[in-house]
PDB file of N, CA and C in Angstrom:
ATOM      1  N   MET A   1     -59.484 -26.990 -57.654  1.00  0.00           N
ATOM      2  CA  MET A   1     -58.211 -27.490 -58.113  1.00  0.00           C
ATOM      3  C   MET A   1     -57.299 -26.355 -58.572  1.00  0.00           C
ATOM      4  N   THR A   2     -57.887 -25.305 -59.076  1.00  0.00           N
ATOM      5  CA  THR A   2     -57.064 -24.177 -59.514  1.00  0.00           C
ATOM      6  C   THR A   2     -56.386 -23.516 -58.319  1.00  0.00           C
ATOM      7  N   GLY A   3     -57.104 -23.407 -57.207  1.00  0.00           N
ATOM      8  CA  GLY A   3     -56.508 -22.853 -55.998  1.00  0.00           C
ATOM      9  C   GLY A   3     -55.365 -23.709 -55.485  1.00  0.00           C
ATOM     10  N   LEU A   4     -55.527 -25.021 -55.568  1.00  0.00           N
ATOM     11  CA  LEU A   4     -54.456 -25.929 -55.160  1.00  0.00           C
ATOM     12  C   LEU A   4     -53.253 -25.775 -56.073  1.00  0.00           C
ATOM     13  N   LEU A   5     -53.494 -25.636 -57.378  1.00  0.00           N
ATOM     14  CA  LEU A   5     -52.410 -25.408 -58.328  1.00  0.00           C
ATOM     15  C   LEU A   5     -51.660 -24.124 -57.986  1.00  0.00           C
ATOM     16  N   ALA A   6     -52.400 -23.068 -57.692  1.00  0.00           N
ATOM     17  CA  ALA A   6     -51.759 -21.793 -57.351  1.00  0.00           C
ATOM     18  C   ALA A   6     -50.949 -21.913 -56.073  1.00  0.00           C
ATOM     19  N   TYR A   7     -51.481 -22.623 -55.089  1.00  0.00           N
ATOM     20  CA  TYR A   7     -50.757 -22.792 -53.832  1.00  0.00           C
ATOM     21  C   TYR A   7     -49.476 -23.598 -54.044  1.00  0.00           C
ATOM     22  N   LEU A   8     -49.576 -24.696 -54.755  1.00  0.00           N
ATOM     23  CA  LEU A   8     -48.395 -25.538 -54.982  1.00  0.00           C
ATOM     24  C   LEU A   8     -47.353 -24.818 -55.827  1.00  0.00           C
ATOM     25  N   TYR A   9     -47.787 -24.067 -56.827  1.00  0.00           N
ATOM     26  CA  TYR A   9     -46.857 -23.309 -57.663  1.00  0.00           C
ATOM     27  C   TYR A   9     -46.180 -22.214 -56.843  1.00  0.00           C
ATOM     28  N   GLY A  10     -46.960 -21.509 -56.026  1.00  0.00           N
ATOM     29  CA  GLY A  10     -46.414 -20.407 -55.241  1.00  0.00           C
ATOM     30  C   GLY A  10     -45.627 -20.843 -54.021  1.00  0.00           C
ATOM     31  N   SER A  11     -45.814 -22.100 -53.575  1.00  0.00           N
ATOM     32  CA  SER A  11     -45.118 -22.549 -52.372  1.00  0.00           C
ATOM     33  C   SER A  11     -43.655 -22.887 -52.631  1.00  0.00           C
ATOM     34  N   LYS A  12     -43.269 -23.027 -53.889  1.00  0.00           N
ATOM     35  CA  LYS A  12     -41.849 -23.244 -54.181  1.00  0.00           C
ATOM     36  C   LYS A  12     -41.088 -21.973 -53.844  1.00  0.00           C
ATOM     37  N   LYS A  13     -39.949 -22.133 -53.264  1.00  0.00           N
ATOM     38  CA  LYS A  13     -39.183 -20.975 -52.808  1.00  0.00           C
ATOM     39  C   LYS A  13     -38.621 -20.158 -53.969  1.00  0.00           C
ATOM     40  N   THR A  14     -38.563 -20.738 -55.164  1.00  0.00           N
ATOM     41  CA  THR A  14     -37.993 -20.015 -56.295  1.00  0.00           C
ATOM     42  C   THR A  14     -38.986 -19.055 -56.941  1.00  0.00           C
ATOM     43  N   TYR A  15     -40.287 -19.184 -56.620  1.00  0.00           N
ATOM     44  CA  TYR A  15     -41.298 -18.326 -57.230  1.00  0.00           C
ATOM     45  C   TYR A  15     -41.809 -17.302 -56.228  1.00  0.00           C
ATOM     46  N   SER A  16     -41.877 -16.055 -56.670  1.00  0.00           N
ATOM     47  CA  SER A  16     -42.388 -14.993 -55.816  1.00  0.00           C
ATOM     48  C   SER A  16     -43.893 -14.855 -56.013  1.00  0.00           C
ATOM     49  N   GLN A  17     -44.476 -13.971 -55.259  1.00  0.00           N
ATOM     50  CA  GLN A  17     -45.904 -13.701 -55.377  1.00  0.00           C
ATOM     51  C   GLN A  17     -46.220 -13.111 -56.755  1.00  0.00           C
ATOM     52  N   LEU A  18     -45.335 -12.255 -57.241  1.00  0.00           N
ATOM     53  CA  LEU A  18     -45.522 -11.666 -58.556  1.00  0.00           C
ATOM     54  C   LEU A  18     -45.443 -12.735 -59.648  1.00  0.00           C
ATOM     55  N   ALA A  19     -44.484 -13.652 -59.538  1.00  0.00           N
ATOM     56  CA  ALA A  19     -44.347 -14.710 -60.539  1.00  0.00           C
ATOM     57  C   ALA A  19     -45.562 -15.625 -60.538  1.00  0.00           C
ATOM     58  N   THR A  20     -46.091 -15.921 -59.369  1.00  0.00           N
ATOM     59  CA  THR A  20     -47.284 -16.763 -59.286  1.00  0.00           C
ATOM     60  C   THR A  20     -48.487 -16.059 -59.896  1.00  0.00           C
ATOM     61  N   SER A  21     -48.641 -14.792 -59.620  1.00  0.00           N
ATOM     62  CA  SER A  21     -49.753 -14.022 -60.181  1.00  0.00           C
ATOM     63  C   SER A  21     -49.632 -13.931 -61.701  1.00  0.00           C
ATOM     64  N   GLN A  22     -48.439 -13.706 -62.198  1.00  0.00           N
ATOM     65  CA  GLN A  22     -48.233 -13.652 -63.641  1.00  0.00           C
ATOM     66  C   GLN A  22     -48.510 -15.004 -64.295  1.00  0.00           C
ATOM     67  N   PHE A  23     -48.084 -16.086 -63.653  1.00  0.00           N
ATOM     68  CA  PHE A  23     -48.340 -17.431 -64.168  1.00  0.00           C
ATOM     69  C   PHE A  23     -49.843 -17.679 -64.288  1.00  0.00           C
ATOM     70  N   LEU A  24     -50.598 -17.341 -63.258  1.00  0.00           N
ATOM     71  CA  LEU A  24     -52.048 -17.532 -63.291  1.00  0.00           C
ATOM     72  C   LEU A  24     -52.688 -16.669 -64.369  1.00  0.00           C
ATOM     73  N   PHE A  25     -52.251 -15.439 -64.507  1.00  0.00           N
ATOM     74  CA  PHE A  25     -52.837 -14.538 -65.491  1.00  0.00           C
ATOM     75  C   PHE A  25     -52.554 -15.016 -66.915  1.00  0.00           C
ATOM     76  N   LYS A  26     -51.324 -15.477 -67.175  1.00  0.00           N
ATOM     77  CA  LYS A  26     -50.991 -15.997 -68.503  1.00  0.00           C
ATOM     78  C   LYS A  26     -51.781 -17.258 -68.811  1.00  0.00           C
ATOM     79  N   ARG A  27     -51.916 -18.116 -67.822  1.00  0.00           N
ATOM     80  CA  ARG A  27     -52.672 -19.353 -68.027  1.00  0.00           C
ATOM     81  C   ARG A  27     -54.141 -19.048 -68.293  1.00  0.00           C
ATOM     82  N   CYS A  28     -54.708 -18.074 -67.600  1.00  0.00           N
ATOM     83  CA  CYS A  28     -56.121 -17.755 -67.808  1.00  0.00           C
ATOM     84  C   CYS A  28     -56.342 -17.119 -69.172  1.00  0.00           C
ATOM     85  N   LEU A  29     -55.431 -16.276 -69.631  1.00  0.00           N
ATOM     86  CA  LEU A  29     -55.568 -15.707 -70.968  1.00  0.00           C
ATOM     87  C   LEU A  29     -55.513 -16.802 -72.028  1.00  0.00           C
ATOM     88  N   PHE A  30     -54.643 -17.777 -71.832  1.00  0.00           N
ATOM     89  CA  PHE A  30     -54.574 -18.899 -72.758  1.00  0.00           C
ATOM     90  C   PHE A  30     -55.898 -19.656 -72.801  1.00  0.00           C
ATOM     91  N   LEU A  31     -56.494 -19.913 -71.645  1.00  0.00           N
ATOM     92  CA  LEU A  31     -57.763 -20.636 -71.595  1.00  0.00           C
ATOM     93  C   LEU A  31     -58.896 -19.853 -72.254  1.00  0.00           C
ATOM     94  N   ILE A  32     -58.940 -18.556 -72.028  1.00  0.00           N
ATOM     95  CA  ILE A  32     -60.000 -17.741 -72.629  1.00  0.00           C
ATOM     96  C   ILE A  32     -59.842 -17.694 -74.145  1.00  0.00           C
ATOM     97  N   ILE A  33     -58.617 -17.521 -74.631  1.00  0.00           N
ATOM     98  CA  ILE A  33     -58.384 -17.510 -76.083  1.00  0.00           C
ATOM     99  C   ILE A  33     -58.695 -18.875 -76.682  1.00  0.00           C
ATOM    100  N   LEU A  34     -58.341 -19.936 -75.992  1.00  0.00           N
ATOM    101  CA  LEU A  34     -58.663 -21.280 -76.456  1.00  0.00           C
ATOM    102  C   LEU A  34     -60.171 -21.474 -76.573  1.00  0.00           C
ATOM    103  N   GLU A  35     -60.914 -20.991 -75.601  1.00  0.00           N
ATOM    104  CA  GLU A  35     -62.373 -21.107 -75.630  1.00  0.00           C
ATOM    105  C   GLU A  35     -62.968 -20.322 -76.794  1.00  0.00           C
ATOM    106  N   LEU A  36     -62.451 -19.112 -77.017  1.00  0.00           N
ATOM    107  CA  LEU A  36     -63.008 -18.261 -78.072  1.00  0.00           C
ATOM    108  C   LEU A  36     -62.629 -18.721 -79.476  1.00  0.00           C
ATOM    109  N   THR A  37     -61.578 -19.487 -79.633  1.00  0.00           N
ATOM    110  CA  THR A  37     -61.136 -19.904 -80.958  1.00  0.00           C
ATOM    111  C   THR A  37     -61.403 -21.387 -81.211  1.00  0.00           C
ATOM    112  N   LEU A  38     -60.620 -22.228 -80.637  1.00  0.00           N
ATOM    113  CA  LEU A  38     -60.662 -23.657 -80.944  1.00  0.00           C
ATOM    114  C   LEU A  38     -61.959 -24.326 -80.479  1.00  0.00           C
ATOM    115  N   ILE A  39     -62.377 -24.066 -79.271  1.00  0.00           N
ATOM    116  CA  ILE A  39     -63.582 -24.711 -78.743  1.00  0.00           C
ATOM    117  C   ILE A  39     -64.819 -24.246 -79.518  1.00  0.00           C
ATOM    118  N   ASN A  40     -64.909 -22.933 -79.800  1.00  0.00           N
ATOM    119  CA  ASN A  40     -66.043 -22.439 -80.580  1.00  0.00           C
ATOM    120  C   ASN A  40     -66.040 -23.007 -81.990  1.00  0.00           C
ATOM    121  N   PHE A  41     -64.864 -23.151 -82.590  1.00  0.00           N
ATOM    122  CA  PHE A  41     -64.793 -23.761 -83.920  1.00  0.00           C
ATOM    123  C   PHE A  41     -65.225 -25.220 -83.867  1.00  0.00           C
ATOM    124  N   ALA A  42     -64.852 -25.923 -82.822  1.00  0.00           N
ATOM    125  CA  ALA A  42     -65.248 -27.326 -82.687  1.00  0.00           C
ATOM    126  C   ALA A  42     -66.764 -27.479 -82.531  1.00  0.00           C
ATOM    127  N   TRP A  43     -67.417 -26.484 -81.940  1.00  0.00           N
ATOM    128  CA  TRP A  43     -68.868 -26.548 -81.771  1.00  0.00           C
ATOM    129  C   TRP A  43     -69.623 -26.126 -83.018  1.00  0.00           C
ATOM    130  N   THR A  44     -69.120 -25.136 -83.734  1.00  0.00           N
ATOM    131  CA  THR A  44     -69.892 -24.549 -84.829  1.00  0.00           C
ATOM    132  C   THR A  44     -69.343 -24.875 -86.216  1.00  0.00           C
ATOM    133  N   PHE A  45     -68.077 -25.241 -86.340  1.00  0.00           N
ATOM    134  CA  PHE A  45     -67.392 -25.463 -87.618  1.00  0.00           C
ATOM    135  C   PHE A  45     -67.478 -24.237 -88.523  1.00  0.00           C
ATOM    136  N   GLN A  46     -67.456 -23.058 -87.924  1.00  0.00           N
ATOM    137  CA  GLN A  46     -67.451 -21.795 -88.644  1.00  0.00           C
ATOM    138  C   GLN A  46     -66.325 -20.935 -88.104  1.00  0.00           C
ATOM    139  N   LEU A  47     -65.669 -20.225 -89.014  1.00  0.00           N
ATOM    140  CA  LEU A  47     -64.636 -19.303 -88.584  1.00  0.00           C
ATOM    141  C   LEU A  47     -64.871 -17.960 -89.239  1.00  0.00           C
ATOM    142  N   PRO A  48     -65.190 -16.911 -88.633  1.00  0.00           N
ATOM    143  CA  PRO A  48     -65.567 -16.773 -87.228  1.00  0.00           C
ATOM    144  C   PRO A  48     -66.975 -17.307 -87.009  1.00  0.00           C
ATOM    145  N   PRO A  49     -67.247 -17.786 -85.823  1.00  0.00           N
ATOM    146  CA  PRO A  49     -68.569 -18.357 -85.569  1.00  0.00           C
ATOM    147  C   PRO A  49     -69.653 -17.286 -85.537  1.00  0.00           C
ATOM    148  N   ALA A  50     -70.839 -17.662 -86.012  1.00  0.00           N
ATOM    149  CA  ALA A  50     -71.971 -16.733 -85.982  1.00  0.00           C
ATOM    150  C   ALA A  50     -72.455 -16.522 -84.549  1.00  0.00           C
ATOM    151  N   LYS A  51     -72.335 -17.553 -83.735  1.00  0.00           N
ATOM    152  CA  LYS A  51     -72.742 -17.484 -82.332  1.00  0.00           C
ATOM    153  C   LYS A  51     -71.569 -17.961 -81.480  1.00  0.00           C
ATOM    154  N   VAL A  52     -71.209 -17.197 -80.472  1.00  0.00           N
ATOM    155  CA  VAL A  52     -70.078 -17.540 -79.602  1.00  0.00           C
ATOM    156  C   VAL A  52     -70.610 -18.253 -78.369  1.00  0.00           C
ATOM    157  N   PHE A  53     -70.078 -19.432 -78.118  1.00  0.00           N
ATOM    158  CA  PHE A  53     -70.445 -20.203 -76.938  1.00  0.00           C
ATOM    159  C   PHE A  53     -69.355 -20.048 -75.888  1.00  0.00           C
ATOM    160  N   LEU A  54     -69.729 -19.576 -74.707  1.00  0.00           N
ATOM    161  CA  LEU A  54     -68.787 -19.447 -73.595  1.00  0.00           C
ATOM    162  C   LEU A  54     -69.184 -20.480 -72.550  1.00  0.00           C
ATOM    163  N   GLN A  55     -68.300 -21.459 -72.346  1.00  0.00           N
ATOM    164  CA  GLN A  55     -68.655 -22.581 -71.491  1.00  0.00           C
ATOM    165  C   GLN A  55     -67.681 -22.697 -70.328  1.00  0.00           C
ATOM    166  N   VAL A  56     -67.345 -23.885 -69.950  1.00  0.00           N
ATOM    167  CA  VAL A  56     -66.608 -24.152 -68.714  1.00  0.00           C
ATOM    168  C   VAL A  56     -65.184 -23.601 -68.744  1.00  0.00           C
ATOM    169  N   ILE A  57     -64.484 -23.761 -69.848  1.00  0.00           N
ATOM    170  CA  ILE A  57     -63.082 -23.326 -69.904  1.00  0.00           C
ATOM    171  C   ILE A  57     -62.987 -21.807 -69.744  1.00  0.00           C
ATOM    172  N   TRP A  58     -63.938 -21.086 -70.312  1.00  0.00           N
ATOM    173  CA  TRP A  58     -63.986 -19.638 -70.179  1.00  0.00           C
ATOM    174  C   TRP A  58     -64.208 -19.246 -68.714  1.00  0.00           C
ATOM    175  N   ALA A  59     -65.097 -19.951 -68.039  1.00  0.00           N
ATOM    176  CA  ALA A  59     -65.379 -19.655 -66.631  1.00  0.00           C
ATOM    177  C   ALA A  59     -64.161 -19.951 -65.755  1.00  0.00           C
ATOM    178  N   ILE A  60     -63.462 -21.021 -66.052  1.00  0.00           N
ATOM    179  CA  ILE A  60     -62.239 -21.337 -65.302  1.00  0.00           C
ATOM    180  C   ILE A  60     -61.193 -20.254 -65.536  1.00  0.00           C
ATOM    181  N   GLY A  61     -61.085 -19.769 -66.763  1.00  0.00           N
ATOM    182  CA  GLY A  61     -60.131 -18.701 -67.071  1.00  0.00           C
ATOM    183  C   GLY A  61     -60.410 -17.438 -66.284  1.00  0.00           C
ATOM    184  N   PHE A  62     -61.672 -17.016 -66.221  1.00  0.00           N
ATOM    185  CA  PHE A  62     -61.994 -15.810 -65.454  1.00  0.00           C
ATOM    186  C   PHE A  62     -61.857 -16.045 -63.949  1.00  0.00           C
ATOM    187  N   SER A  63     -62.062 -17.254 -63.498  1.00  0.00           N
ATOM    188  CA  SER A  63     -61.821 -17.562 -62.084  1.00  0.00           C
ATOM    189  C   SER A  63     -60.343 -17.453 -61.752  1.00  0.00           C
ATOM    190  N   MET A  64     -59.497 -17.817 -62.711  1.00  0.00           N
ATOM    191  CA  MET A  64     -58.057 -17.690 -62.488  1.00  0.00           C
ATOM    192  C   MET A  64     -57.627 -16.222 -62.460  1.00  0.00           C
ATOM    193  N   ILE A  65     -58.324 -15.360 -63.200  1.00  0.00           N
ATOM    194  CA  ILE A  65     -58.043 -13.921 -63.107  1.00  0.00           C
ATOM    195  C   ILE A  65     -58.359 -13.435 -61.695  1.00  0.00           C
ATOM    196  N   ALA A  66     -59.513 -13.862 -61.186  1.00  0.00           N
ATOM    197  CA  ALA A  66     -59.877 -13.485 -59.815  1.00  0.00           C
ATOM    198  C   ALA A  66     -58.856 -14.013 -58.818  1.00  0.00           C
ATOM    199  N   LEU A  67     -58.376 -15.234 -59.031  1.00  0.00           N
ATOM    200  CA  LEU A  67     -57.382 -15.819 -58.131  1.00  0.00           C
ATOM    201  C   LEU A  67     -56.065 -15.058 -58.188  1.00  0.00           C
ATOM    202  N   ALA A  68     -55.672 -14.617 -59.383  1.00  0.00           N
ATOM    203  CA  ALA A  68     -54.434 -13.840 -59.515  1.00  0.00           C
ATOM    204  C   ALA A  68     -54.544 -12.512 -58.775  1.00  0.00           C
ATOM    205  N   ILE A  69     -55.741 -11.939 -58.737  1.00  0.00           N
ATOM    206  CA  ILE A  69     -55.949 -10.678 -58.008  1.00  0.00           C
ATOM    207  C   ILE A  69     -56.042 -10.941 -56.507  1.00  0.00           C
ATOM    208  N   LEU A  70     -56.777 -11.986 -56.126  1.00  0.00           N
ATOM    209  CA  LEU A  70     -56.940 -12.299 -54.703  1.00  0.00           C
ATOM    210  C   LEU A  70     -55.632 -12.712 -54.034  1.00  0.00           C
ATOM    211  N   LEU A  71     -54.675 -13.124 -54.828  1.00  0.00           N
ATOM    212  CA  LEU A  71     -53.373 -13.526 -54.292  1.00  0.00           C
ATOM    213  C   LEU A  71     -52.682 -12.372 -53.571  1.00  0.00           C
ATOM    214  N   TRP A  72     -53.013 -11.148 -53.928  1.00  0.00           N
ATOM    215  CA  TRP A  72     -52.362  -9.974 -53.349  1.00  0.00           C
ATOM    216  C   TRP A  72     -53.021  -9.499 -52.058  1.00  0.00           C
ATOM    217  N   LEU A  73     -54.180 -10.045 -51.703  1.00  0.00           N
ATOM    218  CA  LEU A  73     -54.862  -9.622 -50.477  1.00  0.00           C
ATOM    219  C   LEU A  73     -54.217 -10.265 -49.250  1.00  0.00           C
ATOM    220  N   PRO A  74     -54.283  -9.603 -48.102  1.00  0.00           N
ATOM    221  CA  PRO A  74     -53.755 -10.221 -46.883  1.00  0.00           C
ATOM    222  C   PRO A  74     -54.593 -11.446 -46.490  1.00  0.00           C
ATOM    223  N   ARG A  75     -53.951 -12.369 -45.802  1.00  0.00           N
ATOM    224  CA  ARG A  75     -54.589 -13.640 -45.457  1.00  0.00           C
ATOM    225  C   ARG A  75     -55.827 -13.441 -44.590  1.00  0.00           C
ATOM    226  N   TRP A  76     -55.811 -12.489 -43.663  1.00  0.00           N
ATOM    227  CA  TRP A  76     -56.976 -12.286 -42.790  1.00  0.00           C
ATOM    228  C   TRP A  76     -58.190 -11.840 -43.596  1.00  0.00           C
ATOM    229  N   LEU A  77     -57.961 -11.013 -44.633  1.00  0.00           N
ATOM    230  CA  LEU A  77     -59.070 -10.578 -45.467  1.00  0.00           C
ATOM    231  C   LEU A  77     -59.605 -11.731 -46.320  1.00  0.00           C
ATOM    232  N   LEU A  78     -58.722 -12.605 -46.759  1.00  0.00           N
ATOM    233  CA  LEU A  78     -59.159 -13.795 -47.495  1.00  0.00           C
ATOM    234  C   LEU A  78     -60.016 -14.704 -46.622  1.00  0.00           C
ATOM    235  N   VAL A  79     -59.640 -14.841 -45.352  1.00  0.00           N
ATOM    236  CA  VAL A  79     -60.439 -15.655 -44.428  1.00  0.00           C
ATOM    237  C   VAL A  79     -61.816 -15.032 -44.224  1.00  0.00           C
ATOM    238  N   VAL A  80     -61.868 -13.711 -44.079  1.00  0.00           N
ATOM    239  CA  VAL A  80     -63.149 -13.022 -43.914  1.00  0.00           C
ATOM    240  C   VAL A  80     -64.011 -13.194 -45.165  1.00  0.00           C
ATOM    241  N   LEU A  81     -63.422 -13.018 -46.342  1.00  0.00           N
ATOM    242  CA  LEU A  81     -64.165 -13.208 -47.586  1.00  0.00           C
ATOM    243  C   LEU A  81     -64.665 -14.639 -47.735  1.00  0.00           C
ATOM    244  N   ASP A  82     -63.822 -15.593 -47.357  1.00  0.00           N
ATOM    245  CA  ASP A  82     -64.210 -17.002 -47.437  1.00  0.00           C
ATOM    246  C   ASP A  82     -65.377 -17.297 -46.508  1.00  0.00           C
ATOM    247  N   CYS A  83     -65.319 -16.801 -45.285  1.00  0.00           N
ATOM    248  CA  CYS A  83     -66.431 -17.017 -44.341  1.00  0.00           C
ATOM    249  C   CYS A  83     -67.701 -16.354 -44.843  1.00  0.00           C
ATOM    250  N   PHE A  84     -67.579 -15.170 -45.414  1.00  0.00           N
ATOM    251  CA  PHE A  84     -68.733 -14.481 -45.954  1.00  0.00           C
ATOM    252  C   PHE A  84     -69.369 -15.256 -47.106  1.00  0.00           C
ATOM    253  N   ILE A  85     -68.527 -15.776 -47.995  1.00  0.00           N
ATOM    254  CA  ILE A  85     -69.027 -16.548 -49.137  1.00  0.00           C
ATOM    255  C   ILE A  85     -69.642 -17.856 -48.663  1.00  0.00           C
ATOM    256  N   ASP A  86     -68.968 -18.547 -47.753  1.00  0.00           N
ATOM    257  CA  ASP A  86     -69.467 -19.854 -47.292  1.00  0.00           C
ATOM    258  C   ASP A  86     -70.727 -19.730 -46.447  1.00  0.00           C
ATOM    259  N   CYS A  87     -70.747 -18.771 -45.547  1.00  0.00           N
ATOM    260  CA  CYS A  87     -71.883 -18.667 -44.602  1.00  0.00           C
ATOM    261  C   CYS A  87     -72.952 -17.695 -45.092  1.00  0.00           C
ATOM    262  N   GLY A  88     -72.586 -16.756 -45.932  1.00  0.00           N
ATOM    263  CA  GLY A  88     -73.538 -15.746 -46.338  1.00  0.00           C
ATOM    264  C   GLY A  88     -74.439 -16.153 -47.485  1.00  0.00           C
ATOM    265  N   SER A  89     -74.111 -17.234 -48.158  1.00  0.00           N
ATOM    266  CA  SER A  89     -74.917 -17.628 -49.318  1.00  0.00           C
ATOM    267  C   SER A  89     -76.144 -18.388 -48.924  1.00  0.00           C
TER     268      SER A  89
END
């Protein structure tokens, strides 16, 4: 779904590749900070928590960082990487 969000956001003619990459990077930083603060507090009720839990929101945030970087690769290389990931695993 994150890839679809990036495609739909970037497909508008008013947004450039740089704007789309910046949007994804800002959104991922927000998700990672949210995971490290609010979500950890909700799990432990300690500030700062003695143990940090990194769960789904953190993983989605780092995936969005990868997506913001992969946005700059040429399409043929993305297809090759996709085939490698899909068939090579």
